[in-house]
Amino acid sequence: MKRSLMDILCCPVCKGDLALTADKEDAKEVLEGTLHCASCKTDYPIHEGIPDLLPRTNQ
């Protein structure tokens, strides 16, 4: 995921701002990490450069 996407990404549930925590990155993009929404306290993982922004379901 390119860091420049942070300007347009928002939480898919509440539309709040997302905070990026990068665990692994190269010169071009974040490869592993987490996007966190402080408003609804939801984490979205980034794996192999792809953010998983699917809303979580409670089961």
Protein backbone atom coordinates (compact mmCIF):
# COMPACT_ATOMS: atom_id res chain seq x y z
CA MET A 1 0.00 0.00 0.00
CA LYS A 2 1.45 3.36 -0.94
CA ARG A 3 1.60 5.93 1.85
CA SER A 4 -0.02 8.47 -0.48
CA LEU A 5 -3.29 6.50 -0.19
CA MET A 6 -3.62 7.72 3.40
CA ASP A 7 -4.94 11.02 1.99
CA ILE A 8 -8.03 9.32 0.56
CA LEU A 9 -8.63 6.29 2.81
CA CYS A 10 -11.20 6.33 5.60
CA CYS A 11 -12.83 3.77 7.85
CA PRO A 12 -15.44 1.81 5.87
CA VAL A 13 -17.69 1.58 8.95
CA CYS A 14 -17.80 5.10 10.41
CA LYS A 15 -15.85 7.11 7.77
CA GLY A 16 -13.35 8.18 10.45
CA ASP A 17 -9.66 8.87 9.86
CA LEU A 18 -7.26 5.93 9.79
CA ALA A 19 -3.83 5.86 11.45
CA LEU A 20 -1.08 3.82 9.81
CA THR A 21 1.33 1.58 11.71
CA ALA A 22 3.93 0.13 9.34
CA ASP A 23 5.67 -3.07 10.45
CA LYS A 24 7.50 -3.72 7.17
CA GLU A 25 8.00 -1.45 4.18
CA ASP A 26 10.27 -0.92 1.22
CA ALA A 27 11.15 2.28 -0.65
CA LYS A 28 7.79 2.35 -2.46
CA GLU A 29 5.11 0.96 -0.14
CA VAL A 30 4.02 -0.47 3.20
CA LEU A 31 4.10 -4.26 2.95
CA GLU A 32 2.87 -5.26 6.43
CA GLY A 33 1.11 -3.22 9.07
CA THR A 34 -2.19 -1.99 10.41
CA LEU A 35 -4.69 0.77 9.73
CA HIS A 36 -6.48 1.80 12.92
CA CYS A 37 -9.69 3.80 13.30
CA ALA A 38 -9.75 5.60 16.64
CA SER A 39 -13.44 6.51 16.26
CA CYS A 40 -14.80 2.95 16.21
CA LYS A 41 -11.63 1.28 17.58
CA THR A 42 -11.26 -1.08 14.61
CA ASP A 43 -8.00 -2.40 13.14
CA TYR A 44 -7.56 -3.27 9.47
CA PRO A 45 -4.51 -5.37 8.57
CA ILE A 46 -2.14 -4.73 5.67
CA HIS A 47 -0.67 -7.97 4.31
CA GLU A 48 1.70 -8.20 1.33
CA GLY A 49 0.96 -4.55 0.52
CA ILE A 50 -2.82 -4.99 0.40
CA PRO A 51 -5.05 -3.32 3.02
CA ASP A 52 -8.02 -5.43 4.11
CA LEU A 53 -10.74 -2.81 4.58
CA LEU A 54 -13.68 -5.19 4.74
CA PRO A 55 -15.93 -4.34 7.69
CA ARG A 56 -15.62 -6.81 10.54
CA THR A 57 -18.67 -8.83 11.54
CA ASN A 58 -19.41 -9.86 15.11
CA GLN A 59 -20.15 -13.56 15.34
